C-alpha atoms as a PDB file:
ATOM      1  CA  MET A   1     -48.191   6.850  41.076  1.00  0.00           C
ATOM      2  CA  PHE A   2     -50.722   6.850  43.950  1.00  0.00           C
ATOM      3  CA  SER A   3     -51.432   3.611  45.766  1.00  0.00           C
ATOM      4  CA  SER A   4     -55.032   4.474  46.572  1.00  0.00           C
ATOM      5  CA  VAL A   5     -57.754   6.984  46.058  1.00  0.00           C
ATOM      6  CA  LYS A   6     -57.218   8.071  49.657  1.00  0.00           C
ATOM      7  CA  ASP A   7     -53.573   8.977  48.924  1.00  0.00           C
ATOM      8  CA  CYS A   8     -54.683  10.925  45.853  1.00  0.00           C
ATOM      9  CA  CYS A   9     -57.251  12.854  47.918  1.00  0.00           C
ATOM     10  CA  ASN A  10     -54.660  13.613  50.615  1.00  0.00           C
ATOM     11  CA  VAL A  11     -52.218  15.001  48.066  1.00  0.00           C
ATOM     12  CA  PHE A  12     -54.996  17.049  46.490  1.00  0.00           C
ATOM     13  CA  MET A  13     -55.995  18.458  49.913  1.00  0.00           C
ATOM     14  CA  ILE A  14     -52.366  19.412  50.639  1.00  0.00           C
ATOM     15  CA  PHE A  15     -52.196  21.093  47.242  1.00  0.00           C
ATOM     16  CA  LEU A  16     -55.389  23.073  47.957  1.00  0.00           C
ATOM     17  CA  ALA A  17     -54.040  24.110  51.383  1.00  0.00           C
ATOM     18  CA  PHE A  18     -50.827  25.314  49.721  1.00  0.00           C
ATOM     19  CA  ILE A  19     -52.812  27.333  47.125  1.00  0.00           C
ATOM     20  CA  PHE A  20     -54.963  28.833  49.896  1.00  0.00           C
ATOM     21  CA  ALA A  21     -51.907  29.819  51.979  1.00  0.00           C
ATOM     22  CA  PHE A  22     -50.196  31.279  48.913  1.00  0.00           C
ATOM     23  CA  THR A  23     -53.305  33.335  48.074  1.00  0.00           C
ATOM     24  CA  ILE A  24     -53.464  34.688  51.622  1.00  0.00           C
ATOM     25  CA  PHE A  25     -49.777  35.607  51.446  1.00  0.00           C
ATOM     26  CA  ILE A  26     -50.289  37.474  48.157  1.00  0.00           C
ATOM     27  CA  CYS A  27     -53.295  39.363  49.575  1.00  0.00           C
ATOM     28  CA  ILE A  28     -51.343  40.446  52.660  1.00  0.00           C
ATOM     29  CA  PHE A  29     -48.371  41.469  50.520  1.00  0.00           C
ATOM     30  CA  VAL A  30     -50.527  43.568  48.170  1.00  0.00           C
ATOM     31  CA  ALA A  31     -52.327  45.179  51.122  1.00  0.00           C
ATOM     32  CA  LYS A  32     -48.998  46.197  52.675  1.00  0.00           C
ATOM     33  CA  ILE A  33     -47.778  47.665  49.408  1.00  0.00           C
ATOM     34  CA  HIS A  34     -51.051  49.575  48.994  1.00  0.00           C
ATOM     35  CA  LYS A  35     -50.836  50.837  52.594  1.00  0.00           C
ATOM     36  CA  ASN A  36     -47.254  51.993  52.055  1.00  0.00           C
ATOM     37  CA  ILE A  37     -48.280  53.919  48.940  1.00  0.00           C
ATOM     38  CA  ASP A  38     -51.189  55.579  50.755  1.00  0.00           C
ATOM     39  CA  ASN A  39     -49.033  56.504  53.752  1.00  0.00           C
ATOM     40  CA  MET A  40     -46.017  57.632  51.741  1.00  0.00           C
ATOM     41  CA  TRP A  41     -46.834  61.338  52.064  1.00  0.00           C
ATOM     42  CA  THR A  42     -47.980  61.220  55.680  1.00  0.00           C
ATOM     43  CA  GLU A  43     -44.754  59.569  56.795  1.00  0.00           C
ATOM     44  CA  LEU A  44     -42.509  62.163  55.109  1.00  0.00           C
ATOM     45  CA  SER A  45     -41.351  65.369  56.754  1.00  0.00           C
ATOM     46  CA  ASP A  46     -42.258  68.713  55.185  1.00  0.00           C
ATOM     47  CA  THR A  47     -38.715  69.068  53.846  1.00  0.00           C
ATOM     48  CA  ALA A  48     -38.825  65.595  52.302  1.00  0.00           C
ATOM     49  CA  ILE A  49     -42.176  66.388  50.647  1.00  0.00           C
ATOM     50  CA  LEU A  50     -40.763  69.627  49.188  1.00  0.00           C
ATOM     51  CA  ASN A  51     -37.753  67.698  47.865  1.00  0.00           C
ATOM     52  CA  LYS A  52     -39.969  65.045  46.283  1.00  0.00           C
ATOM     53  CA  LEU A  53     -42.225  67.681  44.669  1.00  0.00           C
ATOM     54  CA  GLY A  54     -39.181  69.574  43.418  1.00  0.00           C
ATOM     55  CA  THR A  55     -37.750  66.425  41.872  1.00  0.00           C
ATOM     56  CA  ARG A  56     -41.064  65.659  40.156  1.00  0.00           C
ATOM     57  CA  LEU A  57     -41.444  69.204  38.829  1.00  0.00           C
ATOM     58  CA  LYS A  58     -37.870  69.119  37.509  1.00  0.00           C
ATOM     59  CA  ALA A  59     -38.591  65.813  35.734  1.00  0.00           C
ATOM     60  CA  SER A  60     -41.770  67.349  34.272  1.00  0.00           C
ATOM     61  CA  ARG A  61     -39.840  70.398  33.048  1.00  0.00           C
ATOM     62  CA  ILE A  62     -37.170  68.258  31.423  1.00  0.00           C
ATOM     63  CA  SER A  63     -39.699  65.898  29.801  1.00  0.00           C
ATOM     64  CA  ARG A  64     -41.439  68.912  28.235  1.00  0.00           C
ATOM     65  CA  GLY A  65     -38.110  70.200  26.917  1.00  0.00           C
ATOM     66  CA  PHE A  66     -37.913  73.405  28.974  1.00  0.00           C
ATOM     67  CA  LYS A  67     -34.681  74.928  30.249  1.00  0.00           C
ATOM     68  CA  GLN A  68     -34.958  76.607  33.646  1.00  0.00           C
ATOM     69  CA  GLN A  69     -34.644  80.032  31.992  1.00  0.00           C
ATOM     70  CA  GLU A  70     -37.447  79.249  29.481  1.00  0.00           C
ATOM     71  CA  LEU A  71     -39.789  77.937  32.182  1.00  0.00           C
ATOM     72  CA  ALA A  72     -39.080  80.987  34.335  1.00  0.00           C
ATOM     73  CA  ALA A  73     -39.794  83.385  31.449  1.00  0.00           C
ATOM     74  CA  GLU A  74     -43.048  81.666  30.439  1.00  0.00           C
ATOM     75  CA  SER A  75     -44.196  81.391  34.065  1.00  0.00           C
ATOM     76  CA  GLY A  76     -43.368  84.999  34.905  1.00  0.00           C
ATOM     77  CA  VAL A  77     -41.061  84.040  37.754  1.00  0.00           C
ATOM     78  CA  GLY A  78     -37.327  84.300  38.266  1.00  0.00           C
ATOM     79  CA  VAL A  79     -34.830  81.572  37.431  1.00  0.00           C
ATOM     80  CA  SER A  80     -33.935  81.482  41.116  1.00  0.00           C
ATOM     81  CA  THR A  81     -37.558  80.573  41.893  1.00  0.00           C
ATOM     82  CA  ILE A  82     -37.395  77.592  39.509  1.00  0.00           C
ATOM     83  CA  ALA A  83     -34.092  76.535  41.104  1.00  0.00           C
ATOM     84  CA  LYS A  84     -35.638  76.842  44.591  1.00  0.00           C
ATOM     85  CA  ILE A  85     -38.680  74.758  43.616  1.00  0.00           C
ATOM     86  CA  GLU A  86     -36.551  72.045  42.027  1.00  0.00           C
ATOM     87  CA  SER A  87     -34.157  71.888  44.986  1.00  0.00           C
ATOM     88  CA  GLY A  88     -37.025  71.475  47.459  1.00  0.00           C
ATOM     89  CA  GLN A  89     -36.956  74.933  48.985  1.00  0.00           C
ATOM     90  CA  SER A  90     -40.141  76.664  49.998  1.00  0.00           C
ATOM     91  CA  VAL A  91     -41.752  79.205  47.641  1.00  0.00           C
ATOM     92  CA  SER A  92     -45.089  80.990  47.702  1.00  0.00           C
ATOM     93  CA  LEU A  93     -48.124  79.100  46.483  1.00  0.00           C
ATOM     94  CA  SER A  94     -48.858  81.689  43.766  1.00  0.00           C
ATOM     95  CA  LEU A  95     -45.381  81.157  42.263  1.00  0.00           C
ATOM     96  CA  LEU A  96     -45.824  77.386  42.364  1.00  0.00           C
ATOM     97  CA  ILE A  97     -49.211  77.718  40.623  1.00  0.00           C
ATOM     98  CA  SER A  98     -47.644  79.842  37.864  1.00  0.00           C
ATOM     99  CA  VAL A  99     -45.009  77.179  37.223  1.00  0.00           C
ATOM    100  CA  MET A 100     -47.582  74.360  37.335  1.00  0.00           C
ATOM    101  CA  ARG A 101     -49.771  76.267  34.845  1.00  0.00           C
ATOM    102  CA  THR A 102     -46.873  76.553  32.394  1.00  0.00           C
ATOM    103  CA  LEU A 103     -46.088  72.845  32.799  1.00  0.00           C
ATOM    104  CA  GLY A 104     -49.752  71.928  32.272  1.00  0.00           C
ATOM    105  CA  LEU A 105     -50.143  70.454  35.734  1.00  0.00           C
ATOM    106  CA  LEU A 106     -53.029  72.525  37.111  1.00  0.00           C
ATOM    107  CA  GLU A 107     -55.547  69.711  36.634  1.00  0.00           C
ATOM    108  CA  ASN A 108     -53.651  67.915  39.406  1.00  0.00           C
ATOM    109  CA  LEU A 109     -54.703  70.544  41.956  1.00  0.00           C
ATOM    110  CA  ASP A 110     -58.009  68.691  42.307  1.00  0.00           C
ATOM    111  CA  LEU A 111     -56.047  65.788  43.711  1.00  0.00           C
ATOM    112  CA  LEU A 112     -54.151  68.060  46.085  1.00  0.00           C
ATOM    113  CA  VAL A 113     -57.265  69.442  47.757  1.00  0.00           C
ATOM    114  CA  PRO A 114     -60.374  67.609  46.535  1.00  0.00           C
ATOM    115  CA  GLU A 115     -63.724  69.378  46.583  1.00  0.00           C
ATOM    116  CA  GLN A 116     -65.738  68.441  49.638  1.00  0.00           C
ATOM    117  CA  LYS A 117     -69.003  66.906  48.544  1.00  0.00           C
ATOM    118  CA  PRO A 118     -71.942  66.706  50.925  1.00  0.00           C
ATOM    119  CA  SER A 119     -72.608  63.374  52.578  1.00  0.00           C
ATOM    120  CA  PRO A 120     -75.732  61.420  51.569  1.00  0.00           C
ATOM    121  CA  MET A 121     -77.423  62.548  54.804  1.00  0.00           C
ATOM    122  CA  GLU A 122     -76.635  66.213  54.073  1.00  0.00           C
ATOM    123  CA  LEU A 123     -78.055  65.776  50.560  1.00  0.00           C
ATOM    124  CA  LEU A 124     -81.287  64.422  52.019  1.00  0.00           C
ATOM    125  CA  LYS A 125     -81.531  67.358  54.443  1.00  0.00           C
ATOM    126  CA  MET A 126     -80.904  69.855  51.620  1.00  0.00           C
ATOM    127  CA  GLN A 127     -83.678  68.336  49.525  1.00  0.00           C
ATOM    128  CA  GLY A 128     -86.208  68.911  52.245  1.00  0.00           C
ATOM    129  CA  LYS A 129     -89.461  67.035  52.318  1.00  0.00           C
ATOM    130  CA  GLN A 130     -90.534  65.803  48.941  1.00  0.00           C
ATOM    131  CA  VAL A 131     -94.228  65.970  48.201  1.00  0.00           C
ATOM    132  CA  LYS A 132     -95.604  62.449  47.967  1.00  0.00           C
ATOM    133  CA  ARG A 133     -99.287  63.335  47.709  1.00  0.00           C
ATOM    134  CA  VAL A 134    -101.456  66.410  47.664  1.00  0.00           C
ATOM    135  CA  ARG A 135    -103.832  66.969  50.541  1.00  0.00           C
ATOM    136  CA  THR A 136    -106.345  69.637  51.278  1.00  0.00           C
ATOM    137  CA  LYS A 137    -105.134  71.864  54.077  1.00  0.00           C
ATOM    138  CA  LYS A 138    -106.986  71.590  57.382  1.00  0.00           C
ATOM    139  CA  GLU A 139    -107.814  75.299  57.390  1.00  0.00           C
ATOM    140  CA  GLU A 140    -109.591  74.961  54.051  1.00  0.00           C
ATOM    141  CA  VAL A 141    -111.555  71.955  55.291  1.00  0.00           C
ATOM    142  CA  ARG A 142    -112.504  73.730  58.529  1.00  0.00           C
ATOM    143  CA  SER A 143    -113.710  76.784  56.652  1.00  0.00           C
ATOM    144  CA  THR A 144    -115.756  74.509  54.379  1.00  0.00           C
ATOM    145  CA  VAL A 145    -117.192  72.660  57.404  1.00  0.00           C
ATOM    146  CA  ALA A 146    -117.925  75.975  59.119  1.00  0.00           C
ATOM    147  CA  SER A 147    -119.935  77.153  56.121  1.00  0.00           C
ATOM    148  CA  TRP A 148    -121.578  73.762  55.709  1.00  0.00           C
ATOM    149  CA  PRO A 149    -124.550  74.384  58.010  1.00  0.00           C
ATOM    150  CA  ASP A 150    -125.738  77.292  55.839  1.00  0.00           C
ATOM    151  CA  THR A 151    -125.448  75.127  52.715  1.00  0.00           C
ATOM    152  CA  ALA A 152    -127.220  72.234  54.468  1.00  0.00           C
ATOM    153  CA  LYS A 153    -130.145  74.485  55.529  1.00  0.00           C
ATOM    154  CA  ASP A 154    -130.538  75.659  51.974  1.00  0.00           C
ATOM    155  CA  CYS A 155    -130.710  72.017  50.868  1.00  0.00           C
ATOM    156  CA  GLY A 156    -133.414  71.178  53.378  1.00  0.00           C
ATOM    157  CA  VAL A 157    -131.384  69.275  55.991  1.00  0.00           C
ATOM    158  CA  ARG A 158    -132.981  69.437  59.401  1.00  0.00           C
ATOM    159  CA  PRO A 159    -131.139  71.578  62.017  1.00  0.00           C
ATOM    160  CA  GLU A 160    -130.646  68.717  64.521  1.00  0.00           C
ATOM    161  CA  HIS A 161    -128.960  66.647  61.805  1.00  0.00           C
ATOM    162  CA  ILE A 162    -126.755  69.555  60.741  1.00  0.00           C
ATOM    163  CA  GLU A 163    -125.294  69.870  64.232  1.00  0.00           C
ATOM    164  CA  ALA A 164    -124.586  66.130  64.555  1.00  0.00           C
ATOM    165  CA  ILE A 165    -122.993  65.946  61.101  1.00  0.00           C
ATOM    166  CA  SER A 166    -120.851  69.053  61.804  1.00  0.00           C
ATOM    167  CA  LYS A 167    -119.529  67.559  65.087  1.00  0.00           C
ATOM    168  CA  THR A 168    -118.709  64.296  63.323  1.00  0.00           C
ATOM    169  CA  LEU A 169    -116.869  66.060  60.520  1.00  0.00           C
ATOM    170  CA  LEU A 170    -114.830  68.133  62.967  1.00  0.00           C
ATOM    171  CA  LEU A 171    -113.687  64.956  64.738  1.00  0.00           C
ATOM    172  CA  TYR A 172    -111.929  63.768  61.586  1.00  0.00           C
ATOM    173  CA  ILE A 173    -110.191  67.014  60.689  1.00  0.00           C
END
């Protein structure tokens, strides 16, 4: 089939190049599809978004076996409100929430407006400084050093040594 090992290697290299190019093509294709899905809502007009939401809510109502009149009664809204929602007309948010509650779609509100969580830097700032070790406060040490000469005299330390030791201690506080 192949006249030499060199021919076999050349064919194999061409095959690898083809596989590499095909993989790149697939990656670009998937990225474009993903980008189109992410941008779907941002590229639609407000009217188009209302129409799409209305269509989805209508499909949800039908899949749950509700008639417009039944959904309206259970939601506490008028039949005209259900018709407006499903035809993509604007209604108040409270009416939409009532209908979504009846359809069991309220858990999707988290996706609509996700809770804003603090960034890692904000979390660090909120924690404040964490105690890594316990130290004696300088004021306590100074008060101890200040009373030290009296204690040293009582122990028999000579006055000239007391002054030198006190100055040395104060340097390190």
